[in-house]
Amino acid sequence: MLELRPSCEHCNTALPAQSLEARICSFECTFCATCVELLSNVCPNCGGGFVSRPIRPAHNHKGDNYLGEYPASSQVKYRPVDLAAHALFAAALKQLPVAQR
């Protein structure tokens, strides 16, 4: 089950389950759209790219597959990125298409 983290790991901006600003990498690292731009679409934890986080339905349309049965996480992972170190890390990676990293 996809973990819907409550905030951006870098700036701690709230990213509720219905947020259109939430971005995730393949390891579910969660950042806001603004920070993904700041990070050049390079995850500081794995080097992968980001995509929009899916929105889990708020209502039970079918089979109990909704927020009421599978709520968003409340565990904050606030780990501000060292931007100078990240710039060095991301320098080569950001030139590559995400599928080739």
Protein backbone atom coordinates (compact mmCIF):
# COMPACT_ATOMS: atom_id res chain seq x y z
CA MET A 1 0.00 0.00 0.00
CA LEU A 2 1.38 3.38 -0.99
CA GLU A 3 2.32 5.42 2.08
CA LEU A 4 0.78 8.88 1.87
CA ARG A 5 3.23 10.95 3.92
CA PRO A 6 1.87 14.14 5.48
CA SER A 7 4.52 16.68 4.48
CA CYS A 8 7.50 17.58 2.32
CA GLU A 9 10.74 16.04 3.55
CA HIS A 10 12.69 19.21 2.75
CA CYS A 11 10.50 22.18 3.74
CA ASN A 12 7.87 20.42 5.88
CA THR A 13 4.97 21.95 3.91
CA ALA A 14 1.76 20.07 4.63
CA LEU A 15 0.81 17.61 1.88
CA PRO A 16 -2.57 16.17 2.86
CA ALA A 17 -3.84 13.06 1.09
CA GLN A 18 -5.72 15.12 -1.53
CA SER A 19 -2.78 17.44 -2.32
CA LEU A 20 -2.02 18.02 -5.98
CA GLU A 21 1.40 19.41 -4.97
CA ALA A 22 2.78 16.12 -3.59
CA ARG A 23 5.53 14.36 -5.53
CA ILE A 24 7.07 10.94 -4.82
CA CYS A 25 10.01 8.89 -6.04
CA SER A 26 9.89 5.10 -6.47
CA PHE A 27 10.81 4.69 -2.79
CA GLU A 28 7.91 6.96 -1.75
CA CYS A 29 10.20 9.80 -0.66
CA THR A 30 7.78 12.72 -0.56
CA PHE A 31 8.45 16.33 -1.54
CA CYS A 32 6.31 19.28 -2.62
CA ALA A 33 6.36 20.42 -6.25
CA THR A 34 8.34 23.55 -5.35
CA CYS A 35 11.12 21.53 -3.69
CA VAL A 36 11.23 19.03 -6.56
CA GLU A 37 12.04 21.99 -8.83
CA LEU A 38 14.67 23.18 -6.35
CA LEU A 39 16.17 19.66 -6.34
CA SER A 40 16.22 19.51 -10.17
CA ASN A 41 13.89 16.47 -10.15
CA VAL A 42 16.63 14.38 -8.50
CA CYS A 43 15.66 12.59 -5.30
CA PRO A 44 18.30 13.38 -2.68
CA ASN A 45 17.83 9.94 -1.13
CA CYS A 46 18.14 7.69 -4.20
CA GLY A 47 18.89 9.79 -7.30
CA GLY A 48 15.65 8.86 -9.03
CA GLY A 49 13.05 11.22 -10.38
CA PHE A 50 9.66 12.28 -9.07
CA VAL A 51 6.08 11.87 -10.24
CA SER A 52 2.80 13.25 -8.94
CA ARG A 53 1.55 11.29 -5.95
CA PRO A 54 -1.75 9.53 -6.67
CA ILE A 55 -4.86 10.71 -4.85
CA ARG A 56 -6.51 8.00 -2.76
CA PRO A 57 -10.31 8.23 -2.98
CA ALA A 58 -11.93 9.91 0.01
CA HIS A 59 -15.11 7.85 -0.36
CA ASN A 60 -15.78 4.13 -0.56
CA HIS A 61 -16.74 3.66 -4.20
CA LYS A 62 -15.80 -0.02 -4.31
CA GLY A 63 -14.30 -2.69 -2.06
CA ASP A 64 -13.32 -0.47 0.89
CA ASN A 65 -10.42 0.96 -1.13
CA TYR A 66 -10.48 4.48 0.26
CA LEU A 67 -8.93 6.79 2.87
CA GLY A 68 -11.32 5.64 5.58
CA GLU A 69 -9.97 2.08 5.33
CA TYR A 70 -6.40 3.01 4.38
CA PRO A 71 -5.68 6.41 5.95
CA ALA A 72 -2.75 8.65 5.12
CA SER A 73 0.28 8.42 7.39
CA SER A 74 0.73 10.92 10.18
CA GLN A 75 4.45 10.19 10.58
CA VAL A 76 6.46 13.23 9.48
CA LYS A 77 9.84 12.62 7.80
CA TYR A 78 11.41 16.07 7.97
CA ARG A 79 14.95 15.81 6.62
CA PRO A 80 16.04 19.12 5.08
CA VAL A 81 18.42 18.63 2.18
CA ASP A 82 21.91 20.14 2.23
CA LEU A 83 21.47 22.04 -1.02
CA ALA A 84 25.19 22.54 -1.67
CA ALA A 85 25.89 18.81 -1.30
CA HIS A 86 22.80 17.99 -3.36
CA ALA A 87 23.95 20.25 -6.20
CA LEU A 88 27.13 18.16 -6.50
CA PHE A 89 25.18 14.89 -6.24
CA ALA A 90 22.58 15.96 -8.81
CA ALA A 91 24.93 17.61 -11.32
CA ALA A 92 25.39 14.55 -13.54
CA LEU A 93 22.10 12.83 -12.73
CA LYS A 94 19.84 15.70 -13.75
CA GLN A 95 21.26 15.52 -17.28
CA LEU A 96 20.02 11.95 -17.68
CA PRO A 97 16.44 11.01 -18.45
CA VAL A 98 14.87 9.51 -15.34
CA ALA A 99 14.53 6.09 -17.03
CA GLN A 100 18.32 5.95 -17.55
CA ARG A 101 19.44 6.81 -14.02
